[in-house]
PDB file of N, CA and C in Angstrom:
ATOM      1  N   UNK A   1     -26.828 -32.328 -22.893  1.00  0.00           N
ATOM      2  CA  UNK A   1     -25.996 -31.141 -22.975  1.00  0.00           C
ATOM      3  C   UNK A   1     -24.591 -31.494 -22.489  1.00  0.00           C
ATOM      4  N   UNK A   2     -23.603 -31.073 -23.237  1.00  0.00           N
ATOM      5  CA  UNK A   2     -22.213 -31.334 -22.866  1.00  0.00           C
ATOM      6  C   UNK A   2     -21.813 -30.490 -21.661  1.00  0.00           C
ATOM      7  N   UNK A   3     -20.788 -30.955 -20.949  1.00  0.00           N
ATOM      8  CA  UNK A   3     -20.334 -30.264 -19.754  1.00  0.00           C
ATOM      9  C   UNK A   3     -19.954 -28.816 -20.060  1.00  0.00           C
ATOM     10  N   UNK A   4     -19.234 -28.574 -21.159  1.00  0.00           N
ATOM     11  CA  UNK A   4     -18.835 -27.203 -21.496  1.00  0.00           C
ATOM     12  C   UNK A   4     -20.060 -26.323 -21.704  1.00  0.00           C
ATOM     13  N   UNK A   5     -21.083 -26.851 -22.345  1.00  0.00           N
ATOM     14  CA  UNK A   5     -22.313 -26.089 -22.553  1.00  0.00           C
ATOM     15  C   UNK A   5     -22.994 -25.772 -21.223  1.00  0.00           C
ATOM     16  N   UNK A   6     -22.989 -26.741 -20.311  1.00  0.00           N
ATOM     17  CA  UNK A   6     -23.580 -26.516 -18.994  1.00  0.00           C
ATOM     18  C   UNK A   6     -22.806 -25.445 -18.237  1.00  0.00           C
ATOM     19  N   UNK A   7     -21.482 -25.504 -18.309  1.00  0.00           N
ATOM     20  CA  UNK A   7     -20.648 -24.517 -17.614  1.00  0.00           C
ATOM     21  C   UNK A   7     -20.855 -23.124 -18.211  1.00  0.00           C
ATOM     22  N   UNK A   8     -20.938 -23.040 -19.523  1.00  0.00           N
ATOM     23  CA  UNK A   8     -21.171 -21.749 -20.179  1.00  0.00           C
ATOM     24  C   UNK A   8     -22.522 -21.163 -19.777  1.00  0.00           C
ATOM     25  N   UNK A   9     -23.552 -22.009 -19.715  1.00  0.00           N
ATOM     26  CA  UNK A   9     -24.885 -21.549 -19.324  1.00  0.00           C
ATOM     27  C   UNK A   9     -24.893 -21.077 -17.874  1.00  0.00           C
ATOM     28  N   UNK A  10     -24.198 -21.810 -17.003  1.00  0.00           N
ATOM     29  CA  UNK A  10     -24.117 -21.415 -15.597  1.00  0.00           C
ATOM     30  C   UNK A  10     -23.422 -20.064 -15.459  1.00  0.00           C
ATOM     31  N   UNK A  11     -22.307 -19.894 -16.166  1.00  0.00           N
ATOM     32  CA  UNK A  11     -21.562 -18.630 -16.097  1.00  0.00           C
ATOM     33  C   UNK A  11     -22.415 -17.472 -16.595  1.00  0.00           C
ATOM     34  N   UNK A  12     -23.114 -17.685 -17.703  1.00  0.00           N
ATOM     35  CA  UNK A  12     -23.971 -16.638 -18.258  1.00  0.00           C
ATOM     36  C   UNK A  12     -25.048 -16.248 -17.250  1.00  0.00           C
ATOM     37  N   UNK A  13     -25.671 -17.221 -16.632  1.00  0.00           N
ATOM     38  CA  UNK A  13     -26.708 -16.968 -15.638  1.00  0.00           C
ATOM     39  C   UNK A  13     -26.139 -16.212 -14.438  1.00  0.00           C
ATOM     40  N   UNK A  14     -24.957 -16.618 -13.985  1.00  0.00           N
ATOM     41  CA  UNK A  14     -24.315 -15.959 -12.852  1.00  0.00           C
ATOM     42  C   UNK A  14     -24.019 -14.500 -13.179  1.00  0.00           C
ATOM     43  N   UNK A  15     -23.431 -14.256 -14.340  1.00  0.00           N
ATOM     44  CA  UNK A  15     -23.051 -12.895 -14.740  1.00  0.00           C
ATOM     45  C   UNK A  15     -24.287 -12.002 -14.857  1.00  0.00           C
ATOM     46  N   UNK A  16     -25.389 -12.559 -15.334  1.00  0.00           N
ATOM     47  CA  UNK A  16     -26.617 -11.775 -15.468  1.00  0.00           C
ATOM     48  C   UNK A  16     -27.206 -11.385 -14.118  1.00  0.00           C
ATOM     49  N   UNK A  17     -26.979 -12.205 -13.082  1.00  0.00           N
ATOM     50  CA  UNK A  17     -27.613 -11.982 -11.782  1.00  0.00           C
ATOM     51  C   UNK A  17     -26.699 -11.338 -10.744  1.00  0.00           C
ATOM     52  N   UNK A  18     -25.396 -11.482 -10.893  1.00  0.00           N
ATOM     53  CA  UNK A  18     -24.455 -11.004  -9.875  1.00  0.00           C
ATOM     54  C   UNK A  18     -24.377  -9.479  -9.869  1.00  0.00           C
ATOM     55  N   UNK A  19     -24.226  -8.889  -8.683  1.00  0.00           N
ATOM     56  CA  UNK A  19     -24.027  -7.439  -8.608  1.00  0.00           C
ATOM     57  C   UNK A  19     -22.724  -7.045  -9.306  1.00  0.00           C
ATOM     58  N   UNK A  20     -22.694  -5.875  -9.896  1.00  0.00           N
ATOM     59  CA  UNK A  20     -21.507  -5.411 -10.613  1.00  0.00           C
ATOM     60  C   UNK A  20     -20.288  -5.380  -9.710  1.00  0.00           C
ATOM     61  N   UNK A  21     -20.461  -5.042  -8.451  1.00  0.00           N
ATOM     62  CA  UNK A  21     -19.345  -5.003  -7.504  1.00  0.00           C
ATOM     63  C   UNK A  21     -18.676  -6.376  -7.384  1.00  0.00           C
ATOM     64  N   UNK A  22     -19.480  -7.420  -7.358  1.00  0.00           N
ATOM     65  CA  UNK A  22     -18.951  -8.785  -7.281  1.00  0.00           C
ATOM     66  C   UNK A  22     -18.199  -9.120  -8.560  1.00  0.00           C
ATOM     67  N   UNK A  23     -18.772  -8.785  -9.698  1.00  0.00           N
ATOM     68  CA  UNK A  23     -18.114  -9.065 -10.979  1.00  0.00           C
ATOM     69  C   UNK A  23     -16.789  -8.302 -11.089  1.00  0.00           C
ATOM     70  N   UNK A  24     -16.782  -7.056 -10.620  1.00  0.00           N
ATOM     71  CA  UNK A  24     -15.550  -6.262 -10.654  1.00  0.00           C
ATOM     72  C   UNK A  24     -14.472  -6.882  -9.767  1.00  0.00           C
ATOM     73  N   UNK A  25     -14.866  -7.324  -8.581  1.00  0.00           N
ATOM     74  CA  UNK A  25     -13.915  -7.945  -7.650  1.00  0.00           C
ATOM     75  C   UNK A  25     -13.345  -9.219  -8.253  1.00  0.00           C
ATOM     76  N   UNK A  26     -14.209 -10.019  -8.855  1.00  0.00           N
ATOM     77  CA  UNK A  26     -13.747 -11.266  -9.480  1.00  0.00           C
ATOM     78  C   UNK A  26     -12.806 -10.979 -10.647  1.00  0.00           C
ATOM     79  N   UNK A  27     -13.114  -9.976 -11.437  1.00  0.00           N
ATOM     80  CA  UNK A  27     -12.250  -9.616 -12.566  1.00  0.00           C
ATOM     81  C   UNK A  27     -10.891  -9.131 -12.080  1.00  0.00           C
ATOM     82  N   UNK A  28     -10.896  -8.328 -11.015  1.00  0.00           N
ATOM     83  CA  UNK A  28      -9.636  -7.833 -10.458  1.00  0.00           C
ATOM     84  C   UNK A  28      -8.783  -8.999  -9.949  1.00  0.00           C
ATOM     85  N   UNK A  29      -9.403  -9.936  -9.240  1.00  0.00           N
ATOM     86  CA  UNK A  29      -8.671 -11.100  -8.731  1.00  0.00           C
ATOM     87  C   UNK A  29      -8.113 -11.931  -9.887  1.00  0.00           C
ATOM     88  N   UNK A  30      -8.898 -12.072 -10.929  1.00  0.00           N
ATOM     89  CA  UNK A  30      -8.458 -12.825 -12.107  1.00  0.00           C
ATOM     90  C   UNK A  30      -7.236 -12.166 -12.749  1.00  0.00           C
ATOM     91  N   UNK A  31      -7.260 -10.853 -12.878  1.00  0.00           N
ATOM     92  CA  UNK A  31      -6.131 -10.127 -13.456  1.00  0.00           C
ATOM     93  C   UNK A  31      -4.885 -10.229 -12.565  1.00  0.00           C
ATOM     94  N   UNK A  32      -5.080 -10.142 -11.249  1.00  0.00           N
ATOM     95  CA  UNK A  32      -3.943 -10.269 -10.337  1.00  0.00           C
ATOM     96  C   UNK A  32      -3.301 -11.644 -10.455  1.00  0.00           C
ATOM     97  N   UNK A  33      -4.116 -12.683 -10.547  1.00  0.00           N
ATOM     98  CA  UNK A  33      -3.572 -14.027 -10.713  1.00  0.00           C
ATOM     99  C   UNK A  33      -2.814 -14.147 -12.032  1.00  0.00           C
ATOM    100  N   UNK A  34      -3.415 -13.639 -13.097  1.00  0.00           N
ATOM    101  CA  UNK A  34      -2.773 -13.691 -14.415  1.00  0.00           C
ATOM    102  C   UNK A  34      -1.426 -12.970 -14.386  1.00  0.00           C
ATOM    103  N   UNK A  35      -1.398 -11.795 -13.771  1.00  0.00           N
ATOM    104  CA  UNK A  35      -0.168 -11.004 -13.710  1.00  0.00           C
ATOM    105  C   UNK A  35       0.887 -11.593 -12.776  1.00  0.00           C
ATOM    106  N   UNK A  36       0.480 -12.496 -11.887  1.00  0.00           N
ATOM    107  CA  UNK A  36       1.417 -13.102 -10.944  1.00  0.00           C
ATOM    108  C   UNK A  36       2.316 -14.151 -11.602  1.00  0.00           C
ATOM    109  N   UNK A  37       1.946 -14.589 -12.814  1.00  0.00           N
ATOM    110  CA  UNK A  37       2.707 -15.631 -13.491  1.00  0.00           C
ATOM    111  C   UNK A  37       2.247 -17.037 -13.142  1.00  0.00           C
ATOM    112  N   UNK A  38       1.164 -17.144 -12.407  1.00  0.00           N
ATOM    113  CA  UNK A  38       0.677 -18.448 -11.977  1.00  0.00           C
ATOM    114  C   UNK A  38       0.309 -19.344 -13.166  1.00  0.00           C
ATOM    115  N   UNK A  39      -0.114 -18.733 -14.264  1.00  0.00           N
ATOM    116  CA  UNK A  39      -0.515 -19.534 -15.429  1.00  0.00           C
ATOM    117  C   UNK A  39       0.644 -20.343 -16.011  1.00  0.00           C
ATOM    118  N   UNK A  40       1.858 -19.874 -15.772  1.00  0.00           N
ATOM    119  CA  UNK A  40       3.035 -20.603 -16.261  1.00  0.00           C
ATOM    120  C   UNK A  40       3.290 -21.878 -15.458  1.00  0.00           C
ATOM    121  N   UNK A  41       2.672 -21.964 -14.276  1.00  0.00           N
ATOM    122  CA  UNK A  41       2.909 -23.104 -13.393  1.00  0.00           C
ATOM    123  C   UNK A  41       1.686 -24.013 -13.239  1.00  0.00           C
ATOM    124  N   UNK A  42       0.650 -23.799 -14.048  1.00  0.00           N
ATOM    125  CA  UNK A  42      -0.580 -24.577 -13.896  1.00  0.00           C
ATOM    126  C   UNK A  42      -0.581 -25.823 -14.778  1.00  0.00           C
ATOM    127  N   UNK A  43      -1.488 -26.716 -14.457  1.00  0.00           N
ATOM    128  CA  UNK A  43      -1.704 -27.907 -15.271  1.00  0.00           C
ATOM    129  C   UNK A  43      -2.361 -27.462 -16.573  1.00  0.00           C
ATOM    130  N   UNK A  44      -1.882 -27.981 -17.679  1.00  0.00           N
ATOM    131  CA  UNK A  44      -2.404 -27.610 -18.993  1.00  0.00           C
ATOM    132  C   UNK A  44      -3.209 -28.770 -19.589  1.00  0.00           C
ATOM    133  N   UNK A  45      -4.067 -28.441 -20.523  1.00  0.00           N
ATOM    134  CA  UNK A  45      -4.815 -29.461 -21.248  1.00  0.00           C
ATOM    135  C   UNK A  45      -3.821 -30.414 -21.889  1.00  0.00           C
ATOM    136  N   UNK A  46      -4.025 -31.700 -21.694  1.00  0.00           N
ATOM    137  CA  UNK A  46      -3.140 -32.709 -22.261  1.00  0.00           C
ATOM    138  C   UNK A  46      -2.062 -33.180 -21.313  1.00  0.00           C
ATOM    139  N   UNK A  47      -1.816 -32.445 -20.209  1.00  0.00           N
ATOM    140  CA  UNK A  47      -0.840 -32.898 -19.217  1.00  0.00           C
ATOM    141  C   UNK A  47      -1.329 -34.196 -18.586  1.00  0.00           C
ATOM    142  N   UNK A  48      -0.415 -35.061 -18.279  1.00  0.00           N
ATOM    143  CA  UNK A  48      -0.747 -36.335 -17.642  1.00  0.00           C
ATOM    144  C   UNK A  48      -0.832 -36.150 -16.135  1.00  0.00           C
ATOM    145  N   UNK A  49      -1.909 -36.638 -15.564  1.00  0.00           N
ATOM    146  CA  UNK A  49      -2.071 -36.567 -14.114  1.00  0.00           C
ATOM    147  C   UNK A  49      -1.364 -37.764 -13.484  1.00  0.00           C
ATOM    148  N   UNK A  50      -0.702 -37.543 -12.370  1.00  0.00           N
ATOM    149  CA  UNK A  50      -0.089 -38.678 -11.677  1.00  0.00           C
ATOM    150  C   UNK A  50      -1.179 -39.539 -11.039  1.00  0.00           C
ATOM    151  N   UNK A  51      -0.883 -40.794 -10.832  1.00  0.00           N
ATOM    152  CA  UNK A  51      -1.844 -41.648 -10.139  1.00  0.00           C
ATOM    153  C   UNK A  51      -1.868 -41.241  -8.665  1.00  0.00           C
ATOM    154  N   UNK A  52      -3.034 -41.240  -8.074  1.00  0.00           N
ATOM    155  CA  UNK A  52      -3.176 -40.905  -6.658  1.00  0.00           C
ATOM    156  C   UNK A  52      -4.431 -41.571  -6.127  1.00  0.00           C
ATOM    157  N   UNK A  53      -4.552 -41.590  -4.834  1.00  0.00           N
ATOM    158  CA  UNK A  53      -5.763 -42.137  -4.215  1.00  0.00           C
ATOM    159  C   UNK A  53      -6.241 -41.165  -3.142  1.00  0.00           C
ATOM    160  N   UNK A  54      -7.567 -41.110  -3.013  1.00  0.00           N
ATOM    161  CA  UNK A  54      -8.219 -40.250  -2.027  1.00  0.00           C
ATOM    162  C   UNK A  54      -9.429 -40.985  -1.475  1.00  0.00           C
ATOM    163  N   UNK A  55      -9.915 -40.525  -0.352  1.00  0.00           N
ATOM    164  CA  UNK A  55     -11.142 -41.101   0.209  1.00  0.00           C
ATOM    165  C   UNK A  55     -12.341 -40.384  -0.401  1.00  0.00           C
ATOM    166  N   UNK A  56     -13.373 -41.163  -0.726  1.00  0.00           N
ATOM    167  CA  UNK A  56     -14.605 -40.564  -1.228  1.00  0.00           C
ATOM    168  C   UNK A  56     -15.497 -40.164  -0.060  1.00  0.00           C
ATOM    169  N   UNK A  57     -16.713 -39.744  -0.356  1.00  0.00           N
ATOM    170  CA  UNK A  57     -17.616 -39.269   0.694  1.00  0.00           C
ATOM    171  C   UNK A  57     -18.052 -40.367   1.650  1.00  0.00           C
ATOM    172  N   UNK A  58     -17.862 -41.614   1.259  1.00  0.00           N
ATOM    173  CA  UNK A  58     -18.198 -42.748   2.135  1.00  0.00           C
ATOM    174  C   UNK A  58     -16.976 -43.242   2.912  1.00  0.00           C
ATOM    175  N   UNK A  59     -15.843 -42.566   2.728  1.00  0.00           N
ATOM    176  CA  UNK A  59     -14.632 -42.957   3.433  1.00  0.00           C
ATOM    177  C   UNK A  59     -13.849 -44.063   2.748  1.00  0.00           C
ATOM    178  N   UNK A  60     -14.280 -44.477   1.562  1.00  0.00           N
ATOM    179  CA  UNK A  60     -13.603 -45.537   0.816  1.00  0.00           C
ATOM    180  C   UNK A  60     -12.449 -44.947   0.012  1.00  0.00           C
ATOM    181  N   UNK A  61     -11.352 -45.674  -0.055  1.00  0.00           N
ATOM    182  CA  UNK A  61     -10.203 -45.219  -0.843  1.00  0.00           C
ATOM    183  C   UNK A  61     -10.501 -45.457  -2.321  1.00  0.00           C
ATOM    184  N   UNK A  62     -10.345 -44.418  -3.116  1.00  0.00           N
ATOM    185  CA  UNK A  62     -10.587 -44.474  -4.555  1.00  0.00           C
ATOM    186  C   UNK A  62      -9.281 -44.159  -5.266  1.00  0.00           C
ATOM    187  N   UNK A  63      -8.908 -45.005  -6.199  1.00  0.00           N
ATOM    188  CA  UNK A  63      -7.678 -44.845  -6.978  1.00  0.00           C
ATOM    189  C   UNK A  63      -8.005 -44.120  -8.284  1.00  0.00           C
ATOM    190  N   UNK A  64      -7.271 -43.082  -8.590  1.00  0.00           N
ATOM    191  CA  UNK A  64      -7.493 -42.295  -9.804  1.00  0.00           C
ATOM    192  C   UNK A  64      -7.495 -43.185 -11.052  1.00  0.00           C
ATOM    193  N   UNK A  65      -6.513 -44.052 -11.165  1.00  0.00           N
ATOM    194  CA  UNK A  65      -6.390 -44.912 -12.354  1.00  0.00           C
ATOM    195  C   UNK A  65      -7.636 -45.782 -12.557  1.00  0.00           C
ATOM    196  N   UNK A  66      -8.334 -46.118 -11.479  1.00  0.00           N
ATOM    197  CA  UNK A  66      -9.531 -46.946 -11.590  1.00  0.00           C
ATOM    198  C   UNK A  66     -10.718 -46.173 -12.161  1.00  0.00           C
ATOM    199  N   UNK A  67     -10.666 -44.863 -12.134  1.00  0.00           N
ATOM    200  CA  UNK A  67     -11.780 -44.036 -12.601  1.00  0.00           C
ATOM    201  C   UNK A  67     -11.658 -43.607 -14.056  1.00  0.00           C
ATOM    202  N   UNK A  68     -10.433 -43.562 -14.553  1.00  0.00           N
ATOM    203  CA  UNK A  68     -10.204 -43.085 -15.915  1.00  0.00           C
ATOM    204  C   UNK A  68     -10.922 -43.985 -16.913  1.00  0.00           C
ATOM    205  N   UNK A  69     -11.718 -43.355 -17.793  1.00  0.00           N
ATOM    206  CA  UNK A  69     -12.387 -44.080 -18.864  1.00  0.00           C
ATOM    207  C   UNK A  69     -13.703 -44.727 -18.483  1.00  0.00           C
ATOM    208  N   UNK A  70     -14.035 -44.771 -17.218  1.00  0.00           N
ATOM    209  CA  UNK A  70     -15.293 -45.396 -16.798  1.00  0.00           C
ATOM    210  C   UNK A  70     -16.488 -44.477 -17.011  1.00  0.00           C
ATOM    211  N   UNK A  71     -16.270 -43.194 -16.811  1.00  0.00           N
ATOM    212  CA  UNK A  71     -17.320 -42.182 -16.944  1.00  0.00           C
ATOM    213  C   UNK A  71     -16.625 -40.825 -16.976  1.00  0.00           C
ATOM    214  N   UNK A  72     -17.374 -39.771 -17.264  1.00  0.00           N
ATOM    215  CA  UNK A  72     -16.726 -38.450 -17.249  1.00  0.00           C
ATOM    216  C   UNK A  72     -16.080 -38.190 -15.894  1.00  0.00           C
ATOM    217  N   UNK A  73     -14.913 -37.601 -15.921  1.00  0.00           N
ATOM    218  CA  UNK A  73     -14.143 -37.355 -14.707  1.00  0.00           C
ATOM    219  C   UNK A  73     -13.676 -35.905 -14.708  1.00  0.00           C
ATOM    220  N   UNK A  74     -13.943 -35.195 -13.632  1.00  0.00           N
ATOM    221  CA  UNK A  74     -13.529 -33.807 -13.506  1.00  0.00           C
ATOM    222  C   UNK A  74     -12.562 -33.706 -12.335  1.00  0.00           C
ATOM    223  N   UNK A  75     -11.387 -33.175 -12.599  1.00  0.00           N
ATOM    224  CA  UNK A  75     -10.419 -32.882 -11.540  1.00  0.00           C
ATOM    225  C   UNK A  75     -10.424 -31.381 -11.327  1.00  0.00           C
ATOM    226  N   UNK A  76     -10.484 -30.981 -10.103  1.00  0.00           N
ATOM    227  CA  UNK A  76     -10.499 -29.563  -9.777  1.00  0.00           C
ATOM    228  C   UNK A  76      -9.282 -29.260  -8.906  1.00  0.00           C
ATOM    229  N   UNK A  77      -8.521 -28.255  -9.286  1.00  0.00           N
ATOM    230  CA  UNK A  77      -7.322 -27.873  -8.563  1.00  0.00           C
ATOM    231  C   UNK A  77      -7.543 -26.532  -7.897  1.00  0.00           C
ATOM    232  N   UNK A  78      -7.074 -26.409  -6.664  1.00  0.00           N
ATOM    233  CA  UNK A  78      -7.213 -25.172  -5.926  1.00  0.00           C
ATOM    234  C   UNK A  78      -5.835 -24.642  -5.529  1.00  0.00           C
ATOM    235  N   UNK A  79      -5.732 -23.332  -5.492  1.00  0.00           N
ATOM    236  CA  UNK A  79      -4.483 -22.729  -5.025  1.00  0.00           C
ATOM    237  C   UNK A  79      -4.288 -23.089  -3.563  1.00  0.00           C
ATOM    238  N   UNK A  80      -3.052 -23.172  -3.150  1.00  0.00           N
ATOM    239  CA  UNK A  80      -2.757 -23.516  -1.776  1.00  0.00           C
ATOM    240  C   UNK A  80      -2.967 -22.381  -0.792  1.00  0.00           C
ATOM    241  N   UNK A  81      -2.904 -21.155  -1.247  1.00  0.00           N
ATOM    242  CA  UNK A  81      -3.068 -19.990  -0.365  1.00  0.00           C
ATOM    243  C   UNK A  81      -4.287 -19.207  -0.816  1.00  0.00           C
ATOM    244  N   UNK A  82      -5.009 -18.720   0.109  1.00  0.00           N
ATOM    245  CA  UNK A  82      -6.140 -17.830  -0.218  1.00  0.00           C
ATOM    246  C   UNK A  82      -5.872 -16.557   0.428  1.00  0.00           C
TER     247      UNK A  82
END
């Protein structure tokens, strides 16, 4: 199963089980983010990621460029403020 299919199945399962109050809160937060203009400042499909290095769970330094093309790679970006 492709990653997108797995993500779609997970979302469907979550939506079926989550209380409506939770879904409403998530939808409201999503709309607030959209209306804030944040989408104009986000990374888009096809944008080039800069090279960077981070420590993995074993404390080893891992270089982004060394991972590209070796296996599927997922980058996750988080807002700086919550």
